[in-house]
Amino acid sequence: MSGRSRFLRLNAVVYGLGNHEAAWRMPESDPFATTSLAHWVRLAQVAEKAGFDTLFLGDVLALLQGAERHLSDAMDPLVILSALAAVTSRIGLIGTLSTSFEPPFHIARRFASLDHITGGRAGWNIVTSSNRLEARNFGLDDLPDHTKRYAMAGDVVNAAIALWDSWKADARVADKQAGLYFDPARVHPANHVGPFVRTAGPLNVPRSPQGRPLLVQAGSSADGREFAATYADVVFTAQLSLEDAQAFYKDIKDGAARAGRDPDSVLVLPGIMPIVAETRAGAQERLDRIDGVIVREHALEQLSEYLQTDARAFDLDQPLPASVGDESRSQANKSRFALIVTLARREGLTVRQLLQRVGGGRGHFLQAGTATEIADTMQEWFEKGAADGFSVMCPVLPADLETFSAAVVPELRRRGLLASRAPGSTLRQSLGLPSHLESQI
C-alpha cells in the first residue's frame, strides 16, 4: 500500500471527437459519432476503467463562426452526463453551465438531481461565457463586461449554494404512520437577494449525497483567479511551462488562504495534450499527421476570435503583428488572449506556426513523447508545486484516450502516484475535499 498522503488526480476532458481542431478529419474518426450515445458511453467507460477521477464536458451556447469547417456539435452536457450515470459507478461527472444565462434555481435543481442519480459524483464547471453570439441566442445584444460577468457569477453561485443548503441532510423522515414525508422544520427558504439575482426557495429536490456538487472553474484572468480562490474546488487552467504553472499554482493557493480557505481544498489541474507513441519520433509523426489536416480557414477564424481582430489580414510567415498588443482590449476571453500572445512572443512563432499550436493544444501544454516521458513531465509538475493533477486533453477521441489509458496511466500507477477510489465514496470524498453534507442554514 502506498504511503503517500497526496495523489495525482486525472480529469478526462472530452470535446466531441477530440481536443485537437482537426480530430474529426482523422481516418479513425467517425464524424457523426458525437450525436450517438454509444460514443460518450465508450469514452466514459474507458476513462473509468483506467482510473480517471473525473470526466469533464465543456459547452458553448452558439454555432460559432467558421463552424461549417469544424465539428461543431454541442449537445447539452447534462443530458449526456445523466445518461452516463447509468453506465458508470465511480468516475466523477462534470458538466458545464453558464452563470450568464442560467437562473440559479435551474442550476441548483439540475445539479442536485445529477448528484442524486450518480450517487454523489456530480460536478459543475462554472463559466461566464465569452462570445457575443451566445448572448444573442438569449435575447441580448452583447455580454456584460468581463468584471461584471464574474460579479454576476459569484452572485449566482451564492444563490445556488443557498438553495442546496435549504434542505437539511436529515429532512426526509418518511414517517408513513404519521403521513409526514419531510420535516418542515428542516427545510428552509433560501431567501437569496443579491445584486444580480434573487431566489426564494427552498429547492424542490432534497439534499444530495455531496450536499453540493464539486465546483470547477477554468478562468485564469485576474477576475477568474479571484473567483476560483473563493469558490472552486478544482481549477482547470492552461499553462505553457513548468514555471508558468508554478506561479499560477502559488497564486491560487495564496488566494484561497486569503479567502479563509484551506489551500489544500483547491485542486489545480492544468491541461495537458499528450501524444503518446512507443518512440518520441513516432509521437511527433502522429502530431504532424493531425496538424496536417487543420483547416486553415477555421484556424484563422478561431485565432480572430481569441485575439478579437481579423487574423486573416496577417502575413502567415511573419510573427504576430505588434499591433495586436499584449493586453486584451475586448471584454471576451482575457485569459486566452494573454495565453496566445505570450505563446507567440515567447517562442517567436510565425502566424502559421501559431495556427498549428492553437488548433492543436488550444493553448494548453502539449507533449509528444513516450509514455515514460509524459509520465516524467506529469510527475515533475506534481512534485514541484505546479499541479495537483492534470486535465488530460487527448487529441483524437476515443483513440488517444485509449492509448493514454493503456500506456501512461499504468506508468503513473507503477510510480505510486495514483489513488485507488474506495467503492461507494462520493466524488468529494474520493478527492479528499471538504464535505458539504450538512446545511449551513
Protein backbone atom coordinates (compact mmCIF):
# COMPACT_ATOMS: atom_id res chain seq x y z
CA MET A 1 0.00 0.00 0.00
CA SER A 2 1.28 3.47 -0.87
CA GLY A 3 2.38 5.70 1.98
CA ARG A 4 1.51 8.83 0.02
CA SER A 5 -0.78 11.42 1.56
CA ARG A 6 -1.22 13.24 -1.76
CA PHE A 7 -2.11 11.67 -5.09
CA LEU A 8 -2.01 12.92 -8.65
CA ARG A 9 -5.55 13.48 -9.98
CA LEU A 10 -6.68 12.80 -13.55
CA ASN A 11 -9.50 14.67 -15.25
CA ALA A 12 -10.51 13.43 -18.73
CA VAL A 13 -11.53 16.43 -20.84
CA VAL A 14 -13.72 15.32 -23.74
CA TYR A 15 -14.77 17.64 -26.56
CA GLY A 16 -16.62 15.81 -29.30
CA LEU A 17 -14.16 13.73 -31.30
CA GLY A 18 -11.09 15.18 -29.63
CA ASN A 19 -9.38 18.25 -28.26
CA HIS A 20 -7.45 18.87 -31.47
CA GLU A 21 -9.28 21.04 -34.00
CA ALA A 22 -8.63 18.53 -36.80
CA ALA A 23 -9.63 15.40 -34.86
CA TRP A 24 -12.77 14.87 -36.93
CA ARG A 25 -10.73 14.62 -40.15
CA MET A 26 -8.54 11.76 -38.97
CA PRO A 27 -9.17 8.36 -40.63
CA GLU A 28 -10.06 6.71 -37.31
CA SER A 29 -12.77 9.29 -36.53
CA ASP A 30 -16.47 8.90 -37.24
CA PRO A 31 -17.69 12.50 -37.75
CA PHE A 32 -21.26 11.53 -36.85
CA ALA A 33 -20.41 9.75 -33.59
CA THR A 34 -20.85 12.76 -31.32
CA THR A 35 -24.64 12.61 -31.60
CA SER A 36 -24.61 8.92 -30.66
CA LEU A 37 -24.84 7.92 -27.01
CA ALA A 38 -22.53 4.97 -27.70
CA HIS A 39 -19.62 7.38 -28.34
CA TRP A 40 -19.99 9.03 -24.94
CA VAL A 41 -20.50 5.72 -23.17
CA ARG A 42 -17.27 4.39 -24.67
CA LEU A 43 -15.30 7.46 -23.53
CA ALA A 44 -16.71 7.35 -20.01
CA GLN A 45 -16.09 3.65 -19.58
CA VAL A 46 -12.54 3.83 -20.94
CA ALA A 47 -11.73 6.69 -18.53
CA GLU A 48 -13.38 4.99 -15.57
CA LYS A 49 -11.68 1.65 -16.19
CA ALA A 50 -8.29 3.38 -16.45
CA GLY A 51 -8.79 5.12 -13.10
CA PHE A 52 -9.52 8.72 -14.08
CA ASP A 53 -11.08 10.66 -11.22
CA THR A 54 -13.41 12.74 -13.37
CA LEU A 55 -14.87 13.17 -16.84
CA PHE A 56 -15.29 16.79 -17.96
CA LEU A 57 -17.72 18.04 -20.62
CA GLY A 58 -17.39 21.62 -21.82
CA ASP A 59 -20.11 23.55 -23.62
CA VAL A 60 -20.80 26.51 -25.88
CA LEU A 61 -24.24 28.01 -26.46
CA ALA A 62 -23.91 29.09 -30.08
CA LEU A 63 -22.92 27.90 -33.52
CA LEU A 64 -19.63 29.77 -33.76
CA GLN A 65 -18.03 31.46 -36.74
CA GLY A 66 -16.35 29.03 -39.13
CA ALA A 67 -18.42 26.18 -37.73
CA GLU A 68 -19.03 24.73 -41.19
CA ARG A 69 -15.34 23.70 -41.35
CA HIS A 70 -15.16 22.21 -37.89
CA LEU A 71 -17.05 19.59 -35.92
CA SER A 72 -19.48 21.89 -34.14
CA ASP A 73 -21.97 19.59 -32.43
CA ALA A 74 -22.57 20.75 -28.87
CA MET A 75 -25.24 18.64 -27.22
CA ASP A 76 -26.38 19.50 -23.70
CA PRO A 77 -23.68 18.18 -21.35
CA LEU A 78 -26.08 17.46 -18.50
CA VAL A 79 -28.25 15.31 -20.76
CA ILE A 80 -25.16 13.31 -21.75
CA LEU A 81 -23.95 13.01 -18.15
CA SER A 82 -27.38 11.88 -16.97
CA ALA A 83 -27.19 9.03 -19.46
CA LEU A 84 -23.62 8.21 -18.40
CA ALA A 85 -24.74 7.98 -14.78
CA ALA A 86 -26.41 4.67 -15.64
CA VAL A 87 -23.30 3.09 -17.19
CA THR A 88 -20.62 4.26 -14.73
CA SER A 89 -20.22 3.75 -11.00
CA ARG A 90 -17.06 5.52 -9.79
CA ILE A 91 -15.92 8.34 -12.08
CA GLY A 92 -16.99 11.91 -11.32
CA LEU A 93 -19.16 13.57 -13.98
CA ILE A 94 -18.54 17.30 -14.53
CA GLY A 95 -20.84 19.37 -16.75
CA THR A 96 -20.70 23.00 -17.86
CA LEU A 97 -23.43 25.59 -17.25
CA SER A 98 -23.15 29.34 -17.74
CA THR A 99 -23.98 31.78 -14.97
CA SER A 100 -24.72 34.44 -17.59
CA PHE A 101 -27.79 32.67 -18.96
CA GLU A 102 -28.99 30.09 -16.42
CA PRO A 103 -31.08 31.11 -13.38
CA PRO A 104 -29.74 29.79 -10.06
CA PHE A 105 -32.83 27.71 -9.26
CA HIS A 106 -32.47 25.87 -12.55
CA ILE A 107 -28.75 25.29 -11.96
CA ALA A 108 -29.20 24.11 -8.37
CA ARG A 109 -32.04 21.76 -9.28
CA ARG A 110 -30.25 20.17 -12.24
CA PHE A 111 -27.01 19.52 -10.36
CA ALA A 112 -28.77 18.28 -7.22
CA SER A 113 -30.66 15.86 -9.46
CA LEU A 114 -27.45 14.73 -11.19
CA ASP A 115 -25.77 14.27 -7.82
CA HIS A 116 -28.63 12.03 -6.67
CA ILE A 117 -28.72 9.80 -9.73
CA THR A 118 -24.92 9.40 -9.74
CA GLY A 119 -24.74 8.62 -6.03
CA GLY A 120 -22.69 11.74 -5.30
CA ARG A 121 -20.50 12.08 -8.40
CA ALA A 122 -21.69 15.38 -9.90
CA GLY A 123 -19.57 18.44 -10.69
CA TRP A 124 -20.43 21.87 -12.09
CA ASN A 125 -17.96 23.64 -14.37
CA ILE A 126 -18.85 27.28 -13.79
CA VAL A 127 -18.43 29.52 -16.84
CA THR A 128 -19.44 33.12 -17.50
CA SER A 129 -19.45 32.74 -21.34
CA SER A 130 -17.33 34.97 -23.55
CA ASN A 131 -18.89 35.06 -27.02
CA ARG A 132 -21.46 37.64 -28.11
CA LEU A 133 -23.10 35.02 -30.35
CA GLU A 134 -24.12 33.22 -27.17
CA ALA A 135 -25.61 36.42 -25.78
CA ARG A 136 -27.68 36.94 -28.92
CA ASN A 137 -29.17 33.47 -28.57
CA PHE A 138 -30.61 34.59 -25.25
CA GLY A 139 -32.05 37.88 -26.47
CA LEU A 140 -29.09 40.09 -25.53
CA ASP A 141 -27.10 42.36 -27.83
CA ASP A 142 -23.83 41.54 -26.08
CA LEU A 143 -22.38 40.16 -22.87
CA PRO A 144 -21.76 42.34 -19.81
CA ASP A 145 -18.14 43.40 -19.36
CA HIS A 146 -15.61 40.89 -18.05
CA THR A 147 -15.54 42.07 -14.41
CA LYS A 148 -19.32 42.31 -14.23
CA ARG A 149 -19.71 38.76 -15.58
CA TYR A 150 -17.59 37.44 -12.72
CA ALA A 151 -19.53 39.51 -10.19
CA MET A 152 -22.73 38.01 -11.60
CA ALA A 153 -21.19 34.54 -11.42
CA GLY A 154 -20.41 34.98 -7.72
CA ASP A 155 -23.99 36.05 -7.05
CA VAL A 156 -25.40 33.08 -8.98
CA VAL A 157 -23.13 30.62 -7.16
CA ASN A 158 -24.08 32.09 -3.78
CA ALA A 159 -27.75 31.72 -4.71
CA ALA A 160 -27.24 28.11 -5.81
CA ILE A 161 -25.42 27.29 -2.56
CA ALA A 162 -28.30 28.83 -0.58
CA LEU A 163 -30.73 26.61 -2.49
CA TRP A 164 -28.66 23.46 -1.92
CA ASP A 165 -28.46 24.38 1.76
CA SER A 166 -32.23 24.86 2.02
CA TRP A 167 -32.60 21.17 2.91
CA LYS A 168 -31.00 19.60 5.97
CA ALA A 169 -29.43 16.22 5.30
CA ASP A 170 -31.98 14.50 7.57
CA ALA A 171 -35.04 16.42 6.37
CA ARG A 172 -36.70 13.37 4.81
CA VAL A 173 -38.21 11.48 7.74
CA ALA A 174 -40.62 9.39 5.62
CA ASP A 175 -42.91 8.69 8.58
CA LYS A 176 -45.57 6.53 6.94
CA GLN A 177 -47.60 6.17 10.12
CA ALA A 178 -47.81 9.92 10.68
CA GLY A 179 -48.12 10.68 6.98
CA LEU A 180 -45.12 13.02 7.10
CA TYR A 181 -42.61 12.79 4.24
CA PHE A 182 -40.24 15.54 5.35
CA ASP A 183 -39.91 17.60 8.50
CA PRO A 184 -40.81 21.20 7.56
CA ALA A 185 -38.56 22.44 10.37
CA ARG A 186 -35.58 21.02 8.46
CA VAL A 187 -36.39 22.69 5.14
CA HIS A 188 -35.88 26.45 4.93
CA PRO A 189 -36.33 29.18 2.33
CA ALA A 190 -33.13 30.28 0.62
CA ASN A 191 -34.26 33.91 0.50
CA HIS A 192 -31.24 34.95 -1.52
CA VAL A 193 -31.35 38.59 -2.56
CA GLY A 194 -28.18 39.60 -4.36
CA PRO A 195 -27.07 42.42 -6.65
CA PHE A 196 -27.98 40.43 -9.78
CA VAL A 197 -30.27 37.52 -8.86
CA ARG A 198 -32.99 36.72 -6.36
CA THR A 199 -34.46 33.35 -5.43
CA ALA A 200 -36.87 32.40 -2.65
CA GLY A 201 -36.50 28.65 -2.44
CA PRO A 202 -36.45 26.19 -0.90
CA LEU A 203 -35.26 23.82 -3.60
CA ASN A 204 -37.75 21.09 -4.50
CA VAL A 205 -35.01 18.45 -4.63
CA PRO A 206 -33.81 17.00 -1.28
CA ARG A 207 -30.23 17.49 -0.19
CA SER A 208 -27.98 15.41 -2.43
CA PRO A 209 -25.25 12.93 -1.39
CA GLN A 210 -22.46 15.55 -1.61
CA GLY A 211 -24.57 18.40 -0.25
CA ARG A 212 -23.39 20.43 -3.20
CA PRO A 213 -21.66 19.31 -6.40
CA LEU A 214 -17.94 19.67 -6.99
CA LEU A 215 -17.38 23.26 -8.15
CA VAL A 216 -14.96 23.66 -11.07
CA GLN A 217 -13.70 26.86 -12.69
CA ALA A 218 -11.46 27.44 -15.69
CA GLY A 219 -10.68 31.16 -15.93
CA SER A 220 -7.11 32.40 -15.46
CA SER A 221 -7.59 36.17 -15.69
CA ALA A 222 -7.27 38.25 -12.51
CA ASP A 223 -11.05 38.11 -12.06
CA GLY A 224 -11.05 34.39 -12.80
CA ARG A 225 -8.31 33.66 -10.28
CA GLU A 226 -10.08 35.59 -7.53
CA PHE A 227 -13.30 33.74 -8.32
CA ALA A 228 -11.51 30.37 -8.29
CA ALA A 229 -9.80 31.08 -4.98
CA THR A 230 -13.17 31.97 -3.46
CA TYR A 231 -15.43 29.24 -4.83
CA ALA A 232 -13.69 26.49 -6.78
CA ASP A 233 -12.84 23.00 -5.58
CA VAL A 234 -11.00 22.32 -8.84
CA VAL A 235 -9.29 24.82 -11.15
CA PHE A 236 -8.76 23.89 -14.81
CA THR A 237 -6.08 26.11 -16.36
CA ALA A 238 -3.88 26.45 -19.44
CA GLN A 239 -0.18 26.87 -18.60
CA LEU A 240 2.66 26.79 -21.12
CA SER A 241 5.60 25.80 -18.91
CA LEU A 242 6.57 24.44 -15.51
CA GLU A 243 7.50 27.95 -14.34
CA ASP A 244 4.18 29.44 -15.50
CA ALA A 245 2.29 26.62 -13.82
CA GLN A 246 4.21 27.04 -10.56
CA ALA A 247 3.38 30.76 -10.45
CA PHE A 248 -0.30 30.12 -11.16
CA TYR A 249 -0.46 27.31 -8.60
CA LYS A 250 1.02 29.51 -5.88
CA ASP A 251 -1.31 32.37 -6.76
CA ILE A 252 -4.42 30.18 -6.46
CA LYS A 253 -3.28 28.60 -3.19
CA ASP A 254 -2.38 32.00 -1.71
CA GLY A 255 -5.73 33.38 -2.88
CA ALA A 256 -7.58 30.52 -1.21
CA ALA A 257 -5.77 31.26 2.06
CA ARG A 258 -6.70 34.95 1.79
CA ALA A 259 -10.32 33.87 1.29
CA GLY A 260 -10.17 31.92 4.55
CA ARG A 261 -9.96 28.52 2.88
CA ASP A 262 -7.52 25.65 3.31
CA PRO A 263 -5.25 25.88 0.23
CA ASP A 264 -5.27 22.08 0.02
CA SER A 265 -9.04 22.21 -0.53
CA VAL A 266 -8.48 23.72 -4.00
CA LEU A 267 -7.03 21.36 -6.61
CA VAL A 268 -5.20 22.87 -9.59
CA LEU A 269 -5.36 20.67 -12.71
CA PRO A 270 -3.61 22.27 -15.71
CA GLY A 271 -4.42 20.98 -19.16
CA ILE A 272 -2.04 18.68 -20.99
CA MET A 273 -2.43 17.38 -24.53
CA PRO A 274 -0.42 14.14 -24.68
CA ILE A 275 0.50 12.49 -27.97
CA VAL A 276 1.79 9.06 -26.98
CA ALA A 277 3.75 6.53 -29.02
CA GLU A 278 6.44 3.92 -28.47
CA THR A 279 9.10 6.43 -29.56
CA ARG A 280 9.31 10.21 -29.46
CA ALA A 281 9.71 10.24 -33.24
CA GLY A 282 6.54 8.18 -33.59
CA ALA A 283 4.62 10.59 -31.37
CA GLN A 284 5.87 13.58 -33.36
CA GLU A 285 4.88 11.85 -36.57
CA ARG A 286 1.33 11.38 -35.24
CA LEU A 287 1.14 15.02 -34.19
CA ASP A 288 2.35 16.11 -37.63
CA ARG A 289 -0.36 13.99 -39.28
CA ILE A 290 -3.09 15.58 -37.18
CA ASP A 291 -1.69 19.10 -37.63
CA GLY A 292 -1.53 18.45 -41.36
CA VAL A 293 -5.32 18.31 -41.69
CA ILE A 294 -6.11 21.51 -39.77
CA VAL A 295 -8.48 23.60 -41.88
CA ARG A 296 -6.60 26.90 -42.17
CA GLU A 297 -9.74 28.97 -42.70
CA HIS A 298 -11.24 27.70 -39.48
CA ALA A 299 -7.99 28.13 -37.56
CA LEU A 300 -7.87 31.77 -38.70
CA GLU A 301 -11.48 32.26 -37.58
CA GLN A 302 -10.59 30.81 -34.20
CA LEU A 303 -7.46 32.95 -33.85
CA SER A 304 -9.51 36.01 -34.80
CA GLU A 305 -11.99 35.16 -32.05
CA TYR A 306 -9.25 34.74 -29.44
CA LEU A 307 -7.48 37.98 -30.43
CA GLN A 308 -10.64 39.96 -31.24
CA THR A 309 -9.14 41.12 -34.53
CA ASP A 310 -9.19 39.85 -38.12
CA ALA A 311 -6.28 37.39 -38.28
CA ARG A 312 -6.93 36.78 -41.99
CA ALA A 313 -5.03 40.01 -42.68
CA PHE A 314 -1.85 38.68 -41.02
CA ASP A 315 1.15 37.50 -43.03
CA LEU A 316 1.28 33.78 -42.23
CA ASP A 317 5.07 33.65 -42.39
CA GLN A 318 5.72 36.62 -40.12
CA PRO A 319 5.47 36.93 -36.33
CA LEU A 320 2.26 38.09 -34.71
CA PRO A 321 1.96 41.83 -35.53
CA ALA A 322 2.93 44.27 -32.80
CA SER A 323 -0.45 45.95 -33.33
CA VAL A 324 -2.11 43.05 -31.52
CA GLY A 325 -0.68 44.38 -28.25
CA ASP A 326 -0.06 42.47 -25.03
CA GLU A 327 -3.37 43.06 -23.27
CA SER A 328 -6.88 42.35 -24.47
CA ARG A 329 -8.91 45.44 -25.21
CA SER A 330 -12.09 43.39 -25.51
CA GLN A 331 -14.43 42.04 -22.87
CA ALA A 332 -14.20 38.48 -24.22
CA ASN A 333 -11.83 35.74 -23.00
CA LYS A 334 -8.99 37.76 -21.47
CA SER A 335 -7.01 34.79 -20.17
CA ARG A 336 -6.99 33.03 -23.55
CA PHE A 337 -5.90 36.25 -25.29
CA ALA A 338 -2.96 36.59 -22.89
CA LEU A 339 -2.03 32.94 -23.31
CA ILE A 340 -1.98 33.06 -27.12
CA VAL A 341 0.03 36.30 -27.26
CA THR A 342 2.53 35.00 -24.68
CA LEU A 343 2.95 31.77 -26.63
CA ALA A 344 3.58 33.62 -29.89
CA ARG A 345 6.02 36.15 -28.43
CA ARG A 346 7.93 33.80 -26.14
CA GLU A 347 8.57 31.14 -28.78
CA GLY A 348 8.96 33.54 -31.70
CA LEU A 349 6.27 31.76 -33.70
CA THR A 350 5.11 32.81 -37.12
CA VAL A 351 1.37 33.15 -37.55
CA ARG A 352 1.37 29.86 -39.48
CA GLN A 353 3.10 28.09 -36.57
CA LEU A 354 0.76 29.76 -34.10
CA LEU A 355 -2.26 28.45 -36.01
CA GLN A 356 -0.96 24.91 -35.56
CA ARG A 357 -0.34 25.41 -31.84
CA VAL A 358 -3.75 26.95 -31.26
CA GLY A 359 -5.52 24.37 -33.39
CA GLY A 360 -3.60 21.60 -31.65
CA GLY A 361 -3.30 22.20 -27.95
CA ARG A 362 -5.80 25.10 -27.81
CA GLY A 363 -3.05 26.97 -25.96
CA HIS A 364 -2.53 24.18 -23.42
CA PHE A 365 0.76 22.41 -22.72
CA LEU A 366 1.38 19.87 -25.48
CA GLN A 367 3.84 17.00 -25.31
CA ALA A 368 4.60 14.37 -27.93
CA GLY A 369 6.62 11.50 -26.50
CA THR A 370 6.72 8.07 -24.97
CA ALA A 371 4.60 7.03 -22.01
CA THR A 372 7.66 7.30 -19.77
CA GLU A 373 8.49 10.82 -20.97
CA ILE A 374 4.95 12.07 -20.47
CA ALA A 375 4.75 10.45 -17.03
CA ASP A 376 8.08 12.12 -16.17
CA THR A 377 6.63 15.54 -17.03
CA MET A 378 3.44 14.94 -15.06
CA GLN A 379 5.39 13.73 -12.03
CA GLU A 380 7.75 16.72 -12.19
CA TRP A 381 4.91 19.24 -12.28
CA PHE A 382 3.10 17.38 -9.50
CA GLU A 383 6.12 17.20 -7.21
CA LYS A 384 7.44 20.72 -7.90
CA GLY A 385 4.37 22.71 -6.89
CA ALA A 386 2.86 23.22 -10.33
CA ALA A 387 -0.13 20.86 -10.28
CA ASP A 388 -2.31 18.63 -8.13
CA GLY A 389 -3.03 16.58 -11.22
CA PHE A 390 -3.91 17.12 -14.86
CA SER A 391 -6.82 17.76 -17.17
CA VAL A 392 -5.92 15.30 -19.90
CA MET A 393 -6.93 16.61 -23.33
CA CYS A 394 -6.39 13.77 -25.78
CA PRO A 395 -6.20 15.00 -29.40
CA VAL A 396 -8.37 12.34 -31.09
CA LEU A 397 -11.16 10.51 -29.28
CA PRO A 398 -11.52 7.75 -28.38
CA ALA A 399 -8.24 6.57 -29.94
CA ASP A 400 -5.78 8.73 -27.97
CA LEU A 401 -7.69 8.33 -24.70
CA GLU A 402 -7.37 4.57 -25.10
CA THR A 403 -3.64 4.90 -25.83
CA PHE A 404 -3.08 7.18 -22.83
CA SER A 405 -5.08 4.84 -20.60
CA ALA A 406 -3.14 1.79 -21.75
CA ALA A 407 0.34 3.34 -21.67
CA VAL A 408 0.64 6.41 -19.41
CA VAL A 409 -1.83 5.55 -16.64
CA PRO A 410 -0.13 2.22 -15.78
CA GLU A 411 3.22 4.04 -15.64
CA LEU A 412 1.81 6.63 -13.23
CA ARG A 413 0.30 3.84 -11.15
CA ARG A 414 3.58 1.92 -11.13
CA ARG A 415 5.21 5.01 -9.62
CA GLY A 416 2.61 5.11 -6.84
CA LEU A 417 1.21 8.45 -7.99
CA LEU A 418 -2.45 7.45 -8.39
CA ALA A 419 -5.02 6.72 -5.70
CA SER A 420 -7.48 3.85 -5.64
CA ARG A 421 -11.02 5.08 -5.12
CA ALA A 422 -12.98 3.39 -2.35
CA PRO A 423 -16.24 1.87 -3.65
CA GLY A 424 -19.31 3.87 -2.72
CA SER A 425 -17.47 7.08 -1.82
CA THR A 426 -18.68 10.42 -3.17
CA LEU A 427 -16.59 12.45 -5.58
CA ARG A 428 -15.61 14.90 -2.85
CA GLN A 429 -14.56 12.06 -0.57
CA SER A 430 -12.51 10.38 -3.29
CA LEU A 431 -10.65 13.64 -3.99
CA GLY A 432 -10.03 14.32 -0.30
CA LEU A 433 -12.05 17.54 -0.42
CA PRO A 434 -14.26 19.05 2.30
CA SER A 435 -17.71 17.55 2.74
CA HIS A 436 -20.82 19.68 2.47
CA LEU A 437 -23.26 17.10 3.78
CA GLU A 438 -24.67 19.47 6.39
CA SER A 439 -26.62 22.60 5.54
CA GLN A 440 -25.11 25.92 6.61
CA ILE A 441 -28.56 27.48 7.10
